[in-house]
Amino acid sequence: MKLYTKIIGTGRCIPPKVVKNDYFLDYEFFDPSSKKLFDKTNEEIVTKFQEITNIVERRWLGDNQINSDLATMAVKDACDSSGIDPETLDFIVFAHNFGDIHPNQTCIDTLPGLANRVKKNLDIKNPGCICHDVISGCPGWTQGMIVADAYIRSETFKRGVVIGSDTLSRVSDPHDRDSMIFSDGAGATIVEGIWSEEPVGILAHSSRSDCNPYVNLLTFGKSLNPDFKGEDLYIKMAGHKLYVYALSHVPGVVKASIDKAGLHLSDIKKVLIHQANEKMDEAILKGVFKLYGEKNIPKGIMPMSIEKLGNSSTATVPTLLDLIVKGDMEGQEINKGDYVILCSVGAGMNINSIVYKWA
């Protein structure tokens, strides 16, 4: 008999505001190298962007909302789906990157921590419910799940919630074509410790951080528009270098997690990977199969939500998981006994891969 960390409920908050690609046709995009306007039309830029990323539209939060609002709704949804009272939570772990950013501001507000704000929003009175944030780039939610697993397996806590929520639309430079990638959203998972003779829940995980020389692939910086006089800072991404890094290292981390679980690639039913760029994710999956000497990738093994939801950073994996388990993604399902990979890569550079057995 061993103690395992099991997901007992999932939830999400997908903002209602739909922003299609043609929204960006009137933008002024500057070349990050020359700081001059691109010599291509926006129609060409947007078409090429869609071909590479497969993003057709994304979701942005409303003018009257902030990140902790989305997270609160996702936790409520997860509590409802699991049938648990929020008062019974022992911990709230909130993974994000930019805190609460209020409308018409790019100032990041992280005091108090967003986990504490969610606890207040949920009106949880229990002082034994501890709160803290995790800032780990796009892999924040997977990192939060690894922290939660440590809490539970050490018998420090029994039940908690891990949130992944970000509002990237408020830190996107309107003069940077990468701004078309980013979106907003929140996902949450209720986790609980269960004793079982059969392995269930989180079976294994593997991680790596390559801070030297990759720490600056994702940073904060000023607008690409040289005439912009404000002091606001925006997310800046070295897209090609990040792509190369991910293809070089993520497959190995995924394989390491599968090996730790004592499984083979053929055992894996689903690979839920951070929704950053569809072509990049496809290349990563191909790299995983190559490590096992396999060329034939099963159809539907890697569900994708990026086409409609864009890249919402820490929210992409828990949101994707919730869509599938609630039957809201056509042609996708996770059944009892299925082995699932939960994987993300992002700022730092950080990579996490979790092997989970659905129960």
Protein backbone atom coordinates (compact mmCIF):
# COMPACT_ATOMS: atom_id res chain seq x y z
CA MET A 1 0.00 0.00 0.00
CA LYS A 2 1.43 3.37 -1.09
CA LEU A 3 0.27 6.97 -1.00
CA TYR A 4 -0.43 8.58 -4.37
CA THR A 5 -1.58 12.00 -5.57
CA LYS A 6 -4.86 11.75 -7.45
CA ILE A 7 -6.77 14.42 -9.39
CA ILE A 8 -10.33 14.36 -8.08
CA GLY A 9 -11.68 17.37 -9.96
CA THR A 10 -10.83 19.77 -12.76
CA GLY A 11 -12.09 23.22 -13.69
CA ARG A 12 -11.47 26.06 -16.12
CA CYS A 13 -12.29 29.63 -16.94
CA ILE A 14 -12.07 30.51 -20.62
CA PRO A 15 -12.84 34.22 -21.08
CA PRO A 16 -15.75 34.97 -23.42
CA LYS A 17 -13.98 37.59 -25.56
CA VAL A 18 -12.98 35.99 -28.88
CA VAL A 19 -10.17 37.72 -30.80
CA LYS A 20 -9.71 36.43 -34.35
CA ASN A 21 -6.56 36.88 -36.43
CA ASP A 22 -8.05 39.63 -38.59
CA TYR A 23 -8.14 41.77 -35.45
CA PHE A 24 -4.41 42.36 -35.97
CA LEU A 25 -4.63 43.57 -39.57
CA ASP A 26 -4.50 47.22 -38.46
CA TYR A 27 -1.56 46.76 -36.10
CA GLU A 28 1.89 48.23 -36.78
CA PHE A 29 4.44 45.43 -36.38
CA PHE A 30 8.13 46.25 -36.00
CA ASP A 31 11.06 44.02 -36.83
CA PRO A 32 12.82 43.19 -33.50
CA SER A 33 16.23 43.41 -35.20
CA SER A 34 15.95 46.69 -37.09
CA LYS A 35 13.20 48.30 -34.96
CA LYS A 36 11.62 49.34 -38.25
CA LEU A 37 8.25 48.40 -39.68
CA PHE A 38 8.26 45.10 -41.54
CA ASP A 39 8.36 45.41 -45.30
CA LYS A 40 5.56 42.82 -45.49
CA THR A 41 1.84 43.52 -45.34
CA ASN A 42 -0.07 42.55 -42.23
CA GLU A 43 -2.03 40.11 -44.38
CA GLU A 44 1.24 38.30 -45.13
CA ILE A 45 2.36 38.42 -41.50
CA VAL A 46 -0.95 37.09 -40.17
CA THR A 47 -1.17 34.34 -42.81
CA LYS A 48 2.36 33.13 -42.07
CA PHE A 49 1.68 33.29 -38.33
CA GLN A 50 -1.39 31.07 -38.70
CA GLU A 51 0.52 28.57 -40.86
CA ILE A 52 3.24 28.19 -38.22
CA THR A 53 1.20 28.22 -35.01
CA ASN A 54 -2.26 27.08 -36.22
CA ILE A 55 -3.78 29.78 -34.01
CA VAL A 56 -6.98 31.07 -35.60
CA GLU A 57 -8.37 32.88 -32.58
CA ARG A 58 -7.65 33.39 -28.92
CA ARG A 59 -9.49 34.50 -25.75
CA TRP A 60 -8.90 37.73 -23.83
CA LEU A 61 -10.27 38.63 -20.43
CA GLY A 62 -12.86 41.37 -20.01
CA ASP A 63 -12.00 44.95 -19.11
CA ASN A 64 -13.46 44.45 -15.62
CA GLN A 65 -11.48 41.26 -14.88
CA ILE A 66 -8.03 40.42 -13.50
CA ASN A 67 -6.07 37.19 -13.31
CA SER A 68 -7.19 36.17 -9.82
CA ASP A 69 -10.82 36.53 -10.97
CA LEU A 70 -10.31 33.94 -13.71
CA ALA A 71 -8.50 31.65 -11.27
CA THR A 72 -11.28 31.90 -8.72
CA MET A 73 -13.86 30.83 -11.31
CA ALA A 74 -11.68 27.90 -12.37
CA VAL A 75 -11.36 26.70 -8.74
CA LYS A 76 -15.12 27.01 -8.22
CA ASP A 77 -15.63 24.89 -11.33
CA ALA A 78 -13.14 22.29 -10.07
CA CYS A 79 -14.79 22.16 -6.64
CA ASP A 80 -18.19 21.72 -8.27
CA SER A 81 -16.95 18.92 -10.53
CA SER A 82 -15.35 17.09 -7.59
CA GLY A 83 -18.19 17.79 -5.17
CA ILE A 84 -15.85 19.09 -2.48
CA ASP A 85 -16.24 22.03 -0.12
CA PRO A 86 -13.46 24.64 -0.59
CA GLU A 87 -13.16 24.77 3.20
CA THR A 88 -11.65 21.27 3.09
CA LEU A 89 -8.65 22.40 1.02
CA ASP A 90 -5.31 22.19 2.84
CA PHE A 91 -3.44 24.27 0.26
CA ILE A 92 -3.85 26.57 -2.71
CA VAL A 93 -0.92 26.68 -5.13
CA PHE A 94 -1.30 29.35 -7.80
CA ALA A 95 1.02 29.20 -10.82
CA HIS A 96 1.23 32.42 -12.83
CA ASN A 97 3.83 34.74 -14.29
CA PHE A 98 2.49 38.29 -14.18
CA GLY A 99 0.28 38.60 -11.13
CA ASP A 100 -2.85 40.71 -11.38
CA ILE A 101 -2.61 43.37 -14.07
CA HIS A 102 -5.39 45.91 -13.88
CA PRO A 103 -7.03 47.39 -16.99
CA ASN A 104 -4.97 50.03 -18.83
CA GLN A 105 -1.87 49.12 -16.80
CA THR A 106 1.14 46.87 -17.30
CA CYS A 107 2.22 47.20 -13.66
CA ILE A 108 2.35 43.74 -12.09
CA ASP A 109 0.49 43.43 -8.78
CA THR A 110 1.62 40.46 -6.67
CA LEU A 111 1.09 41.73 -3.14
CA PRO A 112 -0.61 39.88 -1.57
CA GLY A 113 0.08 36.67 -3.45
CA LEU A 114 -2.60 35.58 -5.90
CA ALA A 115 -3.23 32.31 -4.04
CA ASN A 116 -4.21 34.39 -1.02
CA ARG A 117 -6.53 36.47 -3.18
CA VAL A 118 -8.24 33.36 -4.48
CA LYS A 119 -8.71 32.10 -0.91
CA LYS A 120 -10.34 35.42 -0.01
CA ASN A 121 -12.51 35.38 -3.14
CA LEU A 122 -13.72 31.89 -2.23
CA ASP A 123 -14.41 33.08 1.33
CA ILE A 124 -12.43 30.17 2.80
CA LYS A 125 -12.24 30.67 6.57
CA ASN A 126 -10.00 27.69 7.37
CA PRO A 127 -6.64 29.12 8.61
CA GLY A 128 -5.06 25.71 7.99
CA CYS A 129 -5.46 26.21 4.24
CA ILE A 130 -2.03 27.56 3.25
CA CYS A 131 -1.45 29.67 0.15
CA HIS A 132 1.52 30.38 -2.07
CA ASP A 133 2.36 31.25 -5.66
CA VAL A 134 4.67 29.49 -8.13
CA ILE A 135 6.39 31.50 -10.86
CA SER A 136 8.13 29.14 -13.26
CA GLY A 137 7.26 30.31 -16.76
CA CYS A 138 4.74 28.34 -18.81
CA PRO A 139 5.54 25.14 -16.83
CA GLY A 140 4.18 26.79 -13.68
CA TRP A 141 1.16 24.50 -13.38
CA THR A 142 3.21 21.32 -13.88
CA GLN A 143 5.70 22.66 -11.32
CA GLY A 144 2.80 23.33 -8.96
CA MET A 145 1.60 19.75 -9.44
CA ILE A 146 5.07 18.46 -8.55
CA VAL A 147 5.02 20.61 -5.39
CA ALA A 148 1.54 19.31 -4.53
CA ASP A 149 2.72 15.73 -5.03
CA ALA A 150 5.56 16.36 -2.56
CA TYR A 151 3.13 17.85 -0.03
CA ILE A 152 0.83 14.85 -0.29
CA ARG A 153 3.39 12.04 -0.43
CA SER A 154 5.16 13.47 2.63
CA GLU A 155 1.75 13.46 4.40
CA THR A 156 2.16 17.18 5.08
CA PHE A 157 -1.23 17.84 3.49
CA LYS A 158 -4.03 15.65 2.18
CA ARG A 159 -5.99 17.78 -0.29
CA GLY A 160 -5.40 20.96 -2.26
CA VAL A 161 -5.85 22.81 -5.51
CA VAL A 162 -3.24 23.68 -8.15
CA ILE A 163 -4.10 26.61 -10.41
CA GLY A 164 -2.54 27.68 -13.69
CA SER A 165 -3.75 31.11 -14.77
CA ASP A 166 -2.32 33.98 -16.80
CA THR A 167 -3.49 37.11 -18.62
CA LEU A 168 -0.89 37.59 -21.32
CA SER A 169 -3.00 40.01 -23.34
CA ARG A 170 -2.06 42.70 -20.81
CA VAL A 171 1.69 42.19 -21.20
CA SER A 172 1.72 41.86 -25.00
CA ASP A 173 3.46 44.55 -27.04
CA PRO A 174 0.99 45.68 -29.74
CA HIS A 175 3.98 46.35 -32.03
CA ASP A 176 5.42 42.84 -31.68
CA ARG A 177 4.01 40.14 -33.98
CA ASP A 178 4.49 37.61 -31.15
CA SER A 179 1.57 39.36 -29.43
CA MET A 180 -0.73 37.31 -31.68
CA ILE A 181 0.36 34.13 -29.87
CA PHE A 182 -0.72 35.13 -26.39
CA SER A 183 -4.08 34.71 -24.70
CA ASP A 184 -5.79 34.54 -21.31
CA GLY A 185 -7.31 31.71 -19.30
CA ALA A 186 -7.30 29.67 -16.11
CA GLY A 187 -7.32 25.98 -15.23
CA ALA A 188 -7.47 24.28 -11.83
CA THR A 189 -7.10 20.75 -10.48
CA ILE A 190 -8.18 19.44 -7.09
CA VAL A 191 -5.66 16.85 -5.89
CA GLU A 192 -5.93 14.44 -2.97
CA GLY A 193 -3.80 11.76 -1.38
CA ILE A 194 -5.11 8.20 -1.66
CA TRP A 195 -3.66 4.93 -0.39
CA SER A 196 -3.59 2.23 -3.02
CA GLU A 197 -1.97 -1.14 -3.66
CA GLU A 198 -2.13 -0.39 -7.39
CA PRO A 199 -0.17 2.61 -8.72
CA VAL A 200 -2.55 5.46 -9.59
CA GLY A 201 -2.41 9.22 -10.05
CA ILE A 202 1.04 10.79 -10.32
CA LEU A 203 3.47 7.93 -10.92
CA ALA A 204 6.65 9.82 -11.79
CA HIS A 205 7.99 13.12 -13.02
CA SER A 206 11.17 14.50 -14.53
CA SER A 207 12.41 18.09 -14.79
CA ARG A 208 15.34 20.21 -15.89
CA SER A 209 16.30 23.89 -15.84
CA ASP A 210 18.85 25.26 -18.29
CA CYS A 211 19.44 28.77 -17.03
CA ASN A 212 22.88 29.14 -18.57
CA PRO A 213 22.88 30.17 -21.40
CA TYR A 214 19.10 30.12 -21.95
CA VAL A 215 17.78 32.37 -19.17
CA ASN A 216 17.05 35.27 -21.54
CA LEU A 217 14.93 33.47 -24.15
CA LEU A 218 11.86 34.97 -22.46
CA THR A 219 12.22 38.34 -20.75
CA PHE A 220 10.49 41.66 -20.11
CA GLY A 221 11.40 44.61 -22.32
CA LYS A 222 10.21 47.85 -23.87
CA SER A 223 8.01 48.11 -26.93
CA LEU A 224 9.57 47.42 -30.33
CA ASN A 225 8.17 50.75 -31.48
CA PRO A 226 11.10 53.19 -31.12
CA ASP A 227 8.68 56.12 -30.94
CA PHE A 228 6.86 54.67 -27.95
CA LYS A 229 7.75 56.92 -24.99
CA GLY A 230 6.14 55.01 -22.14
CA GLU A 231 7.96 53.02 -19.49
CA ASP A 232 5.72 49.97 -19.82
CA LEU A 233 7.42 46.59 -20.19
CA TYR A 234 6.15 43.71 -22.29
CA ILE A 235 6.91 40.03 -22.71
CA LYS A 236 9.72 39.44 -25.20
CA MET A 237 10.48 36.07 -26.75
CA ALA A 238 13.44 34.79 -28.75
CA GLY A 239 11.10 32.55 -30.70
CA HIS A 240 13.49 30.62 -32.93
CA LYS A 241 16.01 29.94 -30.15
CA LEU A 242 13.19 28.79 -27.87
CA TYR A 243 11.95 26.47 -30.63
CA VAL A 244 15.40 24.93 -31.05
CA TYR A 245 15.81 24.55 -27.26
CA ALA A 246 12.44 22.82 -26.89
CA LEU A 247 13.12 20.36 -29.70
CA SER A 248 16.55 19.59 -28.28
CA HIS A 249 15.55 18.93 -24.67
CA VAL A 250 11.82 18.29 -24.12
CA PRO A 251 11.76 14.80 -25.73
CA GLY A 252 14.49 13.60 -23.39
CA VAL A 253 12.67 14.87 -20.30
CA VAL A 254 9.46 13.15 -21.42
CA LYS A 255 11.33 9.87 -21.94
CA ALA A 256 13.01 10.20 -18.54
CA SER A 257 9.61 10.51 -16.84
CA ILE A 258 8.27 7.46 -18.69
CA ASP A 259 11.36 5.47 -17.72
CA LYS A 260 10.98 6.50 -14.06
CA ALA A 261 7.41 5.20 -14.12
CA GLY A 262 8.63 1.85 -15.42
CA LEU A 263 6.59 2.23 -18.59
CA HIS A 264 7.17 2.27 -22.34
CA LEU A 265 6.00 4.82 -24.87
CA SER A 266 3.47 2.28 -26.13
CA ASP A 267 1.71 2.48 -22.74
CA ILE A 268 0.99 6.21 -23.12
CA LYS A 269 -2.53 7.07 -24.29
CA LYS A 270 -2.35 10.87 -24.28
CA VAL A 271 0.34 13.54 -24.33
CA LEU A 272 -0.95 16.86 -22.99
CA ILE A 273 1.74 19.39 -23.77
CA HIS A 274 1.89 23.15 -23.30
CA GLN A 275 -0.04 24.79 -26.15
CA ALA A 276 2.65 27.14 -27.41
CA ASN A 277 2.93 26.52 -31.14
CA GLU A 278 1.33 23.58 -32.94
CA LYS A 279 4.24 22.91 -35.29
CA MET A 280 6.67 23.01 -32.34
CA ASP A 281 4.52 20.61 -30.31
CA GLU A 282 4.27 18.23 -33.28
CA ALA A 283 8.07 18.32 -33.67
CA ILE A 284 8.52 17.62 -29.94
CA LEU A 285 6.19 14.62 -30.11
CA LYS A 286 8.03 13.34 -33.18
CA GLY A 287 11.26 13.71 -31.18
CA VAL A 288 9.85 11.60 -28.33
CA PHE A 289 8.88 8.82 -30.73
CA LYS A 290 12.30 9.00 -32.38
CA LEU A 291 13.98 8.32 -29.02
CA TYR A 292 12.07 5.03 -28.92
CA GLY A 293 12.86 4.22 -32.55
CA GLU A 294 9.24 4.74 -33.50
CA LYS A 295 7.95 6.60 -36.55
CA ASN A 296 4.22 5.91 -36.46
CA ILE A 297 2.48 8.37 -34.12
CA PRO A 298 -1.04 7.26 -33.10
CA LYS A 299 -3.75 9.61 -34.31
CA GLY A 300 -5.19 11.78 -31.55
CA ILE A 301 -2.48 11.03 -28.98
CA MET A 302 -1.66 14.75 -28.63
CA PRO A 303 -4.86 16.84 -28.26
CA MET A 304 -4.52 20.49 -29.28
CA SER A 305 -6.55 23.47 -28.08
CA ILE A 306 -4.29 26.21 -29.45
CA GLU A 307 -6.32 26.77 -32.62
CA LYS A 308 -9.19 28.33 -30.67
CA LEU A 309 -7.58 29.31 -27.35
CA GLY A 310 -4.06 30.47 -28.22
CA ASN A 311 -1.19 30.30 -25.73
CA SER A 312 -2.38 31.12 -22.22
CA SER A 313 0.92 30.08 -20.60
CA THR A 314 0.38 28.30 -17.26
CA ALA A 315 -3.30 27.75 -18.08
CA THR A 316 -2.88 25.71 -21.26
CA VAL A 317 -2.34 22.22 -19.83
CA PRO A 318 -4.94 22.28 -16.99
CA THR A 319 -7.48 23.90 -19.33
CA LEU A 320 -6.84 21.23 -21.97
CA LEU A 321 -7.17 18.49 -19.34
CA ASP A 322 -10.51 19.87 -18.16
CA LEU A 323 -11.86 20.12 -21.70
CA ILE A 324 -11.08 16.46 -22.32
CA VAL A 325 -12.26 14.92 -19.05
CA LYS A 326 -15.56 16.81 -19.26
CA GLY A 327 -16.18 15.64 -22.81
CA ASP A 328 -15.92 19.11 -24.31
CA MET A 329 -13.25 18.27 -26.90
CA GLU A 330 -14.56 16.35 -29.87
CA GLY A 331 -12.88 13.00 -30.47
CA GLN A 332 -10.89 13.10 -27.24
CA GLU A 333 -11.34 11.22 -23.98
CA ILE A 334 -9.34 9.94 -21.03
CA ASN A 335 -10.52 6.68 -19.48
CA LYS A 336 -9.80 4.86 -16.25
CA GLY A 337 -6.40 3.20 -16.41
CA ASP A 338 -5.04 5.48 -19.15
CA TYR A 339 -1.45 6.69 -18.80
CA VAL A 340 -1.18 10.41 -19.57
CA ILE A 341 1.82 12.71 -20.01
CA LEU A 342 1.47 16.26 -18.64
CA CYS A 343 4.33 18.34 -20.02
CA SER A 344 5.41 21.95 -20.38
CA VAL A 345 8.41 24.04 -21.36
CA GLY A 346 9.03 27.75 -20.87
CA ALA A 347 10.86 30.70 -19.37
CA GLY A 348 14.02 30.00 -17.53
CA MET A 349 14.36 27.61 -19.41
CA ASN A 350 12.33 25.07 -17.45
CA ILE A 351 10.85 21.72 -18.49
CA ASN A 352 8.55 19.38 -16.55
CA SER A 353 7.02 16.06 -17.57
CA ILE A 354 4.59 14.16 -15.34
CA VAL A 355 3.34 10.60 -15.88
CA TYR A 356 -0.21 10.22 -14.58
CA LYS A 357 -2.44 7.14 -14.41
CA TRP A 358 -6.10 8.10 -14.61
CA ALA A 359 -8.28 6.53 -11.95
